[in-house]
Amino acid sequence: MSTSAPTSTMTADYVNPVISATKDVFEMMLGCTPKRSGLQLKGADTPSHDISAVIGVSGSSSRGTIVLSFSKSVAIQALERILGTVVSEINAEVCDAVGELANMVAGSAKAQLAHLDLSIGIPNIVVGPNHRVVYSSEMQPICILFTSEIGEFLIEVGFTRNGI
């Protein structure tokens, strides 16, 4: 088993559709325009958040994970923009909204990666201040940082080719 980082071509092949999907989903569902503010390998200095939706992605040639992470305030604002529901704490509705946004981003990215014949899983939601999502040792996730009218958030994308 190799622990080398993904090639830049593979990274761009997966990251660019996720960036495009994020912009499309946020504009359509939240009425805001996310702007990419950074791109980095996931590491100790990666920002941590209060809620994340984790989606597994698999196909015949590759497998991976897409994670959408928000602070409490951004997650609450997302729910308000989607449903008009006002809450003050992360609750089941906020978790559902974040999960649905992640599902839409992953689904839109999957459509742009149709040639890879990928399947996406059901989002799992992780809640708690400064939580971490840990990847298998064969993946080196890329963190895509965004700013928007509702605040900052990030998406992590980690993929590896099957058989590696």
N, C-alpha and C. Protein backbone atom coordinates (compact mmCIF):
# COMPACT_ATOMS: atom_id res chain seq x y z
N MET A 1 0.84 -1.17 0.00
CA MET A 1 0.00 0.00 0.00
C MET A 1 0.89 1.24 0.00
N SER A 2 0.62 2.14 -0.92
CA SER A 2 1.39 3.37 -1.06
C SER A 2 0.74 4.47 -0.23
N THR A 3 1.55 5.32 0.36
CA THR A 3 1.02 6.45 1.13
C THR A 3 1.36 7.77 0.45
N SER A 4 1.71 7.72 -0.81
CA SER A 4 2.05 8.95 -1.51
C SER A 4 0.81 9.80 -1.73
N ALA A 5 1.03 11.09 -1.86
CA ALA A 5 -0.07 12.03 -2.09
C ALA A 5 -0.62 11.83 -3.50
N PRO A 6 -1.87 12.21 -3.73
CA PRO A 6 -2.44 12.07 -5.06
C PRO A 6 -1.71 12.95 -6.06
N THR A 7 -1.73 12.55 -7.31
CA THR A 7 -1.09 13.36 -8.33
C THR A 7 -1.86 14.65 -8.53
N SER A 8 -1.19 15.68 -9.05
CA SER A 8 -1.85 16.96 -9.25
C SER A 8 -2.99 16.85 -10.26
N THR A 9 -2.83 15.99 -11.28
CA THR A 9 -3.91 15.82 -12.25
C THR A 9 -5.13 15.22 -11.58
N MET A 10 -4.93 14.18 -10.78
CA MET A 10 -6.05 13.56 -10.08
C MET A 10 -6.70 14.57 -9.14
N THR A 11 -5.89 15.34 -8.44
CA THR A 11 -6.42 16.34 -7.52
C THR A 11 -7.29 17.35 -8.27
N ALA A 12 -6.79 17.91 -9.35
CA ALA A 12 -7.55 18.89 -10.13
C ALA A 12 -8.81 18.26 -10.70
N ASP A 13 -8.72 17.01 -11.15
CA ASP A 13 -9.88 16.31 -11.70
C ASP A 13 -11.03 16.24 -10.70
N TYR A 14 -10.71 16.11 -9.41
CA TYR A 14 -11.74 15.99 -8.39
C TYR A 14 -12.09 17.33 -7.74
N VAL A 15 -11.10 18.16 -7.51
CA VAL A 15 -11.32 19.42 -6.79
C VAL A 15 -12.10 20.43 -7.62
N ASN A 16 -11.75 20.60 -8.89
CA ASN A 16 -12.43 21.61 -9.70
C ASN A 16 -13.94 21.38 -9.80
N PRO A 17 -14.43 20.15 -10.01
CA PRO A 17 -15.88 19.95 -10.02
C PRO A 17 -16.53 20.26 -8.66
N VAL A 18 -15.82 20.01 -7.57
CA VAL A 18 -16.38 20.32 -6.25
C VAL A 18 -16.47 21.84 -6.06
N ILE A 19 -15.47 22.57 -6.50
CA ILE A 19 -15.51 24.04 -6.41
C ILE A 19 -16.69 24.58 -7.23
N SER A 20 -16.81 24.11 -8.45
CA SER A 20 -17.91 24.54 -9.32
C SER A 20 -19.27 24.18 -8.72
N ALA A 21 -19.40 22.96 -8.21
CA ALA A 21 -20.66 22.51 -7.60
C ALA A 21 -21.01 23.35 -6.38
N THR A 22 -20.01 23.68 -5.58
CA THR A 22 -20.24 24.50 -4.38
C THR A 22 -20.82 25.85 -4.76
N LYS A 23 -20.20 26.49 -5.74
CA LYS A 23 -20.69 27.80 -6.18
C LYS A 23 -22.13 27.70 -6.68
N ASP A 24 -22.41 26.71 -7.51
CA ASP A 24 -23.77 26.55 -8.06
C ASP A 24 -24.80 26.30 -6.97
N VAL A 25 -24.51 25.39 -6.05
CA VAL A 25 -25.47 25.04 -5.00
C VAL A 25 -25.70 26.22 -4.06
N PHE A 26 -24.66 26.91 -3.66
CA PHE A 26 -24.81 28.02 -2.73
C PHE A 26 -25.57 29.18 -3.37
N GLU A 27 -25.31 29.44 -4.64
CA GLU A 27 -26.05 30.50 -5.32
C GLU A 27 -27.53 30.14 -5.43
N MET A 28 -27.82 28.90 -5.79
CA MET A 28 -29.20 28.47 -5.99
C MET A 28 -29.96 28.32 -4.66
N MET A 29 -29.36 27.65 -3.69
CA MET A 29 -30.08 27.31 -2.45
C MET A 29 -29.99 28.39 -1.37
N LEU A 30 -28.88 29.11 -1.32
CA LEU A 30 -28.68 30.07 -0.23
C LEU A 30 -28.68 31.52 -0.70
N GLY A 31 -28.72 31.73 -2.00
CA GLY A 31 -28.71 33.09 -2.51
C GLY A 31 -27.45 33.84 -2.16
N CYS A 32 -26.34 33.13 -2.06
CA CYS A 32 -25.07 33.80 -1.78
C CYS A 32 -24.00 33.27 -2.72
N THR A 33 -22.96 34.06 -2.87
CA THR A 33 -21.91 33.73 -3.81
C THR A 33 -20.63 33.38 -3.06
N PRO A 34 -20.32 32.09 -2.95
CA PRO A 34 -19.06 31.73 -2.28
C PRO A 34 -17.87 32.04 -3.18
N LYS A 35 -16.83 32.55 -2.56
CA LYS A 35 -15.60 32.83 -3.29
C LYS A 35 -14.48 32.01 -2.64
N ARG A 36 -13.73 31.31 -3.48
CA ARG A 36 -12.62 30.52 -2.94
C ARG A 36 -11.59 31.47 -2.36
N SER A 37 -11.22 31.25 -1.10
CA SER A 37 -10.26 32.12 -0.44
C SER A 37 -8.95 31.42 -0.14
N GLY A 38 -8.91 30.11 -0.38
CA GLY A 38 -7.67 29.39 -0.12
C GLY A 38 -7.79 27.95 -0.56
N LEU A 39 -6.64 27.34 -0.75
CA LEU A 39 -6.55 25.95 -1.14
C LEU A 39 -5.29 25.41 -0.49
N GLN A 40 -5.42 24.35 0.30
CA GLN A 40 -4.25 23.83 1.01
C GLN A 40 -4.43 22.34 1.27
N LEU A 41 -3.33 21.66 1.50
CA LEU A 41 -3.42 20.29 1.96
C LEU A 41 -3.93 20.30 3.39
N LYS A 42 -4.75 19.33 3.73
CA LYS A 42 -5.26 19.26 5.11
C LYS A 42 -4.08 18.99 6.04
N GLY A 43 -4.02 19.76 7.10
CA GLY A 43 -2.93 19.62 8.05
C GLY A 43 -3.35 20.16 9.41
N ALA A 44 -2.39 20.33 10.27
CA ALA A 44 -2.66 20.78 11.63
C ALA A 44 -3.26 22.18 11.66
N ASP A 45 -2.97 23.01 10.65
CA ASP A 45 -3.47 24.38 10.64
C ASP A 45 -4.79 24.53 9.90
N THR A 46 -5.40 23.42 9.50
CA THR A 46 -6.69 23.48 8.82
C THR A 46 -7.73 23.99 9.80
N PRO A 47 -8.54 24.98 9.40
CA PRO A 47 -9.57 25.49 10.31
C PRO A 47 -10.52 24.38 10.74
N SER A 48 -10.97 24.47 11.99
CA SER A 48 -11.95 23.51 12.48
C SER A 48 -13.28 24.22 12.67
N HIS A 49 -14.35 23.46 12.61
CA HIS A 49 -15.69 24.04 12.67
C HIS A 49 -16.58 23.29 13.64
N ASP A 50 -17.84 23.70 13.70
CA ASP A 50 -18.79 23.14 14.66
C ASP A 50 -19.65 22.02 14.09
N ILE A 51 -19.78 21.97 12.76
CA ILE A 51 -20.62 20.94 12.15
C ILE A 51 -20.06 20.59 10.77
N SER A 52 -20.02 19.30 10.49
CA SER A 52 -19.53 18.83 9.19
C SER A 52 -20.45 17.74 8.67
N ALA A 53 -20.64 17.74 7.37
CA ALA A 53 -21.33 16.66 6.68
C ALA A 53 -20.26 15.89 5.92
N VAL A 54 -20.20 14.58 6.12
CA VAL A 54 -19.19 13.73 5.53
C VAL A 54 -19.88 12.77 4.57
N ILE A 55 -19.43 12.77 3.31
CA ILE A 55 -20.04 11.90 2.29
C ILE A 55 -18.96 11.06 1.65
N GLY A 56 -19.17 9.75 1.65
CA GLY A 56 -18.28 8.83 0.95
C GLY A 56 -18.65 8.77 -0.52
N VAL A 57 -17.63 8.68 -1.37
CA VAL A 57 -17.81 8.59 -2.81
C VAL A 57 -16.99 7.40 -3.29
N SER A 58 -17.61 6.56 -4.13
CA SER A 58 -16.86 5.40 -4.61
C SER A 58 -17.21 5.11 -6.06
N GLY A 59 -16.25 4.49 -6.73
CA GLY A 59 -16.43 4.09 -8.11
C GLY A 59 -15.48 2.96 -8.44
N SER A 60 -15.49 2.52 -9.67
CA SER A 60 -14.65 1.39 -10.06
C SER A 60 -13.17 1.74 -10.06
N SER A 61 -12.84 3.01 -10.31
CA SER A 61 -11.42 3.38 -10.39
C SER A 61 -10.92 4.20 -9.20
N SER A 62 -11.82 4.75 -8.39
CA SER A 62 -11.38 5.59 -7.28
C SER A 62 -12.43 5.62 -6.18
N ARG A 63 -12.00 6.10 -5.03
CA ARG A 63 -12.90 6.28 -3.90
C ARG A 63 -12.43 7.49 -3.10
N GLY A 64 -13.35 8.09 -2.36
CA GLY A 64 -12.95 9.26 -1.61
C GLY A 64 -14.00 9.75 -0.66
N THR A 65 -13.76 10.94 -0.15
CA THR A 65 -14.63 11.58 0.82
C THR A 65 -14.71 13.06 0.51
N ILE A 66 -15.92 13.59 0.64
CA ILE A 66 -16.15 15.03 0.52
C ILE A 66 -16.76 15.47 1.84
N VAL A 67 -16.19 16.52 2.42
CA VAL A 67 -16.65 17.03 3.71
C VAL A 67 -16.98 18.51 3.57
N LEU A 68 -18.16 18.90 4.03
CA LEU A 68 -18.57 20.30 4.07
C LEU A 68 -18.61 20.70 5.54
N SER A 69 -17.84 21.71 5.94
CA SER A 69 -17.73 22.12 7.34
C SER A 69 -18.11 23.59 7.52
N PHE A 70 -18.96 23.82 8.53
CA PHE A 70 -19.45 25.16 8.86
C PHE A 70 -19.22 25.48 10.33
N SER A 71 -19.10 26.76 10.62
CA SER A 71 -19.20 27.22 12.01
C SER A 71 -20.68 27.17 12.38
N LYS A 72 -20.96 27.28 13.64
CA LYS A 72 -22.35 27.28 14.13
C LYS A 72 -23.14 28.39 13.45
N SER A 73 -22.59 29.60 13.38
CA SER A 73 -23.35 30.73 12.83
C SER A 73 -23.64 30.54 11.34
N VAL A 74 -22.69 30.00 10.58
CA VAL A 74 -22.91 29.78 9.16
C VAL A 74 -23.97 28.69 8.95
N ALA A 75 -23.91 27.63 9.73
CA ALA A 75 -24.89 26.55 9.61
C ALA A 75 -26.30 27.05 9.93
N ILE A 76 -26.42 27.87 10.96
CA ILE A 76 -27.73 28.41 11.34
C ILE A 76 -28.26 29.35 10.25
N GLN A 77 -27.37 30.17 9.68
CA GLN A 77 -27.79 31.05 8.58
C GLN A 77 -28.19 30.26 7.34
N ALA A 78 -27.51 29.15 7.10
CA ALA A 78 -27.87 28.31 5.96
C ALA A 78 -29.29 27.78 6.13
N LEU A 79 -29.62 27.29 7.31
CA LEU A 79 -30.99 26.80 7.57
C LEU A 79 -32.00 27.92 7.36
N GLU A 80 -31.69 29.09 7.87
CA GLU A 80 -32.63 30.22 7.73
C GLU A 80 -32.85 30.57 6.26
N ARG A 81 -31.79 30.54 5.47
CA ARG A 81 -31.93 30.87 4.05
C ARG A 81 -32.67 29.78 3.27
N ILE A 82 -32.50 28.53 3.68
CA ILE A 82 -33.17 27.43 2.97
C ILE A 82 -34.64 27.35 3.34
N LEU A 83 -34.93 27.38 4.65
CA LEU A 83 -36.31 27.14 5.11
C LEU A 83 -37.00 28.34 5.75
N GLY A 84 -36.23 29.39 6.02
CA GLY A 84 -36.82 30.53 6.73
C GLY A 84 -36.96 30.28 8.22
N THR A 85 -36.41 29.18 8.69
CA THR A 85 -36.49 28.81 10.10
C THR A 85 -35.37 29.47 10.88
N VAL A 86 -35.72 30.13 11.98
CA VAL A 86 -34.74 30.81 12.82
C VAL A 86 -34.51 29.98 14.08
N VAL A 87 -33.26 29.61 14.32
CA VAL A 87 -32.89 28.88 15.53
C VAL A 87 -31.64 29.53 16.11
N SER A 88 -31.30 29.19 17.34
CA SER A 88 -30.12 29.78 17.96
C SER A 88 -29.04 28.74 18.25
N GLU A 89 -29.37 27.47 18.12
CA GLU A 89 -28.41 26.40 18.39
C GLU A 89 -28.45 25.38 17.26
N ILE A 90 -27.39 24.60 17.15
CA ILE A 90 -27.40 23.50 16.18
C ILE A 90 -28.37 22.44 16.68
N ASN A 91 -29.36 22.15 15.84
CA ASN A 91 -30.36 21.15 16.19
C ASN A 91 -30.54 20.21 14.99
N ALA A 92 -31.55 19.35 15.05
CA ALA A 92 -31.78 18.38 13.98
C ALA A 92 -32.04 19.07 12.64
N GLU A 93 -32.75 20.19 12.66
CA GLU A 93 -33.04 20.90 11.40
C GLU A 93 -31.75 21.45 10.78
N VAL A 94 -30.87 21.99 11.60
CA VAL A 94 -29.60 22.51 11.11
C VAL A 94 -28.78 21.36 10.53
N CYS A 95 -28.75 20.23 11.22
CA CYS A 95 -28.01 19.05 10.73
C CYS A 95 -28.57 18.60 9.40
N ASP A 96 -29.89 18.56 9.28
CA ASP A 96 -30.51 18.17 8.01
C ASP A 96 -30.15 19.13 6.88
N ALA A 97 -30.16 20.43 7.17
CA ALA A 97 -29.84 21.43 6.15
C ALA A 97 -28.39 21.29 5.68
N VAL A 98 -27.47 21.12 6.60
CA VAL A 98 -26.06 20.97 6.25
C VAL A 98 -25.86 19.67 5.46
N GLY A 99 -26.51 18.61 5.89
CA GLY A 99 -26.43 17.35 5.17
C GLY A 99 -26.98 17.46 3.76
N GLU A 100 -28.09 18.16 3.61
CA GLU A 100 -28.68 18.32 2.28
C GLU A 100 -27.79 19.18 1.37
N LEU A 101 -27.18 20.23 1.92
CA LEU A 101 -26.25 21.03 1.11
C LEU A 101 -25.07 20.17 0.64
N ALA A 102 -24.52 19.38 1.55
CA ALA A 102 -23.40 18.51 1.18
C ALA A 102 -23.83 17.50 0.13
N ASN A 103 -25.03 16.96 0.27
CA ASN A 103 -25.56 16.00 -0.69
C ASN A 103 -25.69 16.64 -2.07
N MET A 104 -26.17 17.88 -2.11
CA MET A 104 -26.32 18.58 -3.39
C MET A 104 -24.96 18.89 -4.02
N VAL A 105 -24.00 19.31 -3.20
CA VAL A 105 -22.66 19.59 -3.72
C VAL A 105 -22.05 18.30 -4.28
N ALA A 106 -22.13 17.22 -3.50
CA ALA A 106 -21.56 15.95 -3.96
C ALA A 106 -22.28 15.45 -5.21
N GLY A 107 -23.60 15.59 -5.24
CA GLY A 107 -24.36 15.15 -6.42
C GLY A 107 -24.03 15.94 -7.66
N SER A 108 -23.86 17.25 -7.51
CA SER A 108 -23.50 18.10 -8.65
C SER A 108 -22.08 17.79 -9.12
N ALA A 109 -21.16 17.59 -8.17
CA ALA A 109 -19.79 17.23 -8.54
C ALA A 109 -19.77 15.87 -9.23
N LYS A 110 -20.58 14.94 -8.73
CA LYS A 110 -20.67 13.61 -9.34
C LYS A 110 -21.12 13.72 -10.80
N ALA A 111 -22.08 14.58 -11.07
CA ALA A 111 -22.56 14.77 -12.44
C ALA A 111 -21.43 15.26 -13.35
N GLN A 112 -20.56 16.13 -12.80
CA GLN A 112 -19.43 16.63 -13.58
C GLN A 112 -18.32 15.59 -13.75
N LEU A 113 -18.38 14.55 -12.91
CA LEU A 113 -17.41 13.46 -12.97
C LEU A 113 -18.06 12.18 -13.49
N ALA A 114 -19.06 12.34 -14.34
CA ALA A 114 -19.85 11.20 -14.83
C ALA A 114 -18.99 10.11 -15.45
N HIS A 115 -17.90 10.50 -16.09
CA HIS A 115 -17.02 9.52 -16.74
C HIS A 115 -16.37 8.55 -15.74
N LEU A 116 -16.40 8.89 -14.44
CA LEU A 116 -15.81 8.03 -13.42
C LEU A 116 -16.82 7.05 -12.82
N ASP A 117 -18.10 7.19 -13.20
CA ASP A 117 -19.15 6.28 -12.72
C ASP A 117 -19.12 6.15 -11.19
N LEU A 118 -19.25 7.28 -10.50
CA LEU A 118 -19.18 7.32 -9.05
C LEU A 118 -20.55 7.15 -8.41
N SER A 119 -20.55 6.63 -7.20
CA SER A 119 -21.74 6.57 -6.36
C SER A 119 -21.45 7.40 -5.12
N ILE A 120 -22.48 8.09 -4.62
CA ILE A 120 -22.29 8.86 -3.39
C ILE A 120 -23.11 8.24 -2.28
N GLY A 121 -22.58 8.29 -1.07
CA GLY A 121 -23.26 7.76 0.09
C GLY A 121 -24.18 8.80 0.71
N ILE A 122 -24.80 8.41 1.78
CA ILE A 122 -25.66 9.30 2.56
C ILE A 122 -24.76 10.12 3.49
N PRO A 123 -25.02 11.43 3.62
CA PRO A 123 -24.15 12.24 4.49
C PRO A 123 -24.25 11.80 5.95
N ASN A 124 -23.12 11.74 6.59
CA ASN A 124 -23.05 11.57 8.05
C ASN A 124 -22.71 12.93 8.62
N ILE A 125 -23.36 13.31 9.70
CA ILE A 125 -23.16 14.62 10.30
C ILE A 125 -22.36 14.47 11.59
N VAL A 126 -21.33 15.31 11.71
CA VAL A 126 -20.50 15.35 12.91
C VAL A 126 -20.68 16.74 13.52
N VAL A 127 -21.01 16.78 14.81
CA VAL A 127 -21.25 18.05 15.49
C VAL A 127 -20.35 18.13 16.72
N GLY A 128 -19.81 19.29 16.95
CA GLY A 128 -18.99 19.54 18.13
C GLY A 128 -17.90 20.53 17.80
N PRO A 129 -17.60 21.41 18.73
CA PRO A 129 -16.57 22.40 18.47
C PRO A 129 -15.21 21.74 18.21
N ASN A 130 -14.54 22.24 17.19
CA ASN A 130 -13.18 21.81 16.87
C ASN A 130 -13.05 20.31 16.61
N HIS A 131 -14.11 19.69 16.06
CA HIS A 131 -14.01 18.26 15.73
C HIS A 131 -13.07 18.08 14.53
N ARG A 132 -12.63 16.86 14.33
CA ARG A 132 -11.75 16.54 13.20
C ARG A 132 -12.34 15.38 12.42
N VAL A 133 -12.16 15.43 11.12
CA VAL A 133 -12.50 14.31 10.26
C VAL A 133 -11.17 13.70 9.83
N VAL A 134 -10.99 12.42 10.11
CA VAL A 134 -9.73 11.75 9.83
C VAL A 134 -9.90 10.86 8.60
N TYR A 135 -8.94 10.92 7.70
CA TYR A 135 -8.96 10.16 6.45
C TYR A 135 -8.02 8.97 6.56
N SER A 136 -8.20 8.01 5.65
CA SER A 136 -7.27 6.88 5.61
C SER A 136 -5.88 7.39 5.26
N SER A 137 -4.86 6.65 5.65
CA SER A 137 -3.48 7.11 5.44
C SER A 137 -3.11 7.19 3.96
N GLU A 138 -3.89 6.57 3.09
CA GLU A 138 -3.56 6.62 1.66
C GLU A 138 -4.14 7.84 0.96
N MET A 139 -4.84 8.70 1.69
CA MET A 139 -5.41 9.92 1.11
C MET A 139 -4.74 11.15 1.69
N GLN A 140 -4.53 12.15 0.85
CA GLN A 140 -4.07 13.45 1.30
C GLN A 140 -5.13 14.47 0.87
N PRO A 141 -6.09 14.75 1.78
CA PRO A 141 -7.19 15.64 1.41
C PRO A 141 -6.72 17.07 1.12
N ILE A 142 -7.46 17.69 0.22
CA ILE A 142 -7.28 19.10 -0.12
C ILE A 142 -8.40 19.87 0.59
N CYS A 143 -8.06 20.97 1.23
CA CYS A 143 -9.04 21.84 1.86
C CYS A 143 -9.26 23.05 0.98
N ILE A 144 -10.52 23.30 0.66
CA ILE A 144 -10.88 24.45 -0.15
C ILE A 144 -11.61 25.41 0.79
N LEU A 145 -11.01 26.56 1.04
CA LEU A 145 -11.59 27.55 1.94
C LEU A 145 -12.42 28.53 1.12
N PHE A 146 -13.58 28.88 1.66
CA PHE A 146 -14.48 29.81 0.98
C PHE A 146 -14.89 30.93 1.93
N THR A 147 -15.19 32.10 1.35
CA THR A 147 -15.87 33.17 2.06
C THR A 147 -17.19 33.40 1.32
N SER A 148 -18.16 33.92 2.04
CA SER A 148 -19.46 34.22 1.44
C SER A 148 -20.18 35.24 2.30
N GLU A 149 -21.34 35.65 1.85
CA GLU A 149 -22.13 36.62 2.61
C GLU A 149 -22.56 36.08 3.97
N ILE A 150 -22.62 34.76 4.11
CA ILE A 150 -23.03 34.18 5.40
C ILE A 150 -21.84 33.77 6.25
N GLY A 151 -20.63 33.95 5.74
CA GLY A 151 -19.44 33.64 6.53
C GLY A 151 -18.49 32.70 5.80
N GLU A 152 -17.48 32.26 6.53
CA GLU A 152 -16.46 31.37 5.98
C GLU A 152 -16.85 29.92 6.22
N PHE A 153 -16.44 29.07 5.29
CA PHE A 153 -16.64 27.63 5.45
C PHE A 153 -15.58 26.92 4.64
N LEU A 154 -15.53 25.60 4.77
CA LEU A 154 -14.56 24.87 3.97
C LEU A 154 -15.13 23.56 3.48
N ILE A 155 -14.52 23.09 2.41
CA ILE A 155 -14.83 21.78 1.87
C ILE A 155 -13.51 21.03 1.77
N GLU A 156 -13.52 19.79 2.23
CA GLU A 156 -12.35 18.92 2.11
C GLU A 156 -12.67 17.86 1.06
N VAL A 157 -11.70 17.58 0.22
CA VAL A 157 -11.84 16.57 -0.83
C VAL A 157 -10.64 15.65 -0.74
N GLY A 158 -10.90 14.38 -0.48
CA GLY A 158 -9.83 13.37 -0.42
C GLY A 158 -10.20 12.19 -1.30
N PHE A 159 -9.35 11.89 -2.28
CA PHE A 159 -9.59 10.77 -3.18
C PHE A 159 -8.32 9.95 -3.35
N THR A 160 -8.50 8.69 -3.67
CA THR A 160 -7.39 7.82 -4.03
C THR A 160 -7.87 6.86 -5.10
N ARG A 161 -6.96 6.42 -5.90
CA ARG A 161 -7.31 5.43 -6.91
C ARG A 161 -7.47 4.06 -6.23
N ASN A 162 -8.44 3.28 -6.67
CA ASN A 162 -8.61 1.94 -6.13
C ASN A 162 -7.38 1.11 -6.45
N GLY A 163 -7.01 0.27 -5.50
CA GLY A 163 -5.84 -0.56 -5.70
C GLY A 163 -4.56 0.08 -5.23
N ILE A 164 -4.65 1.32 -4.74
CA ILE A 164 -3.44 2.00 -4.22
C ILE A 164 -3.37 1.80 -2.74
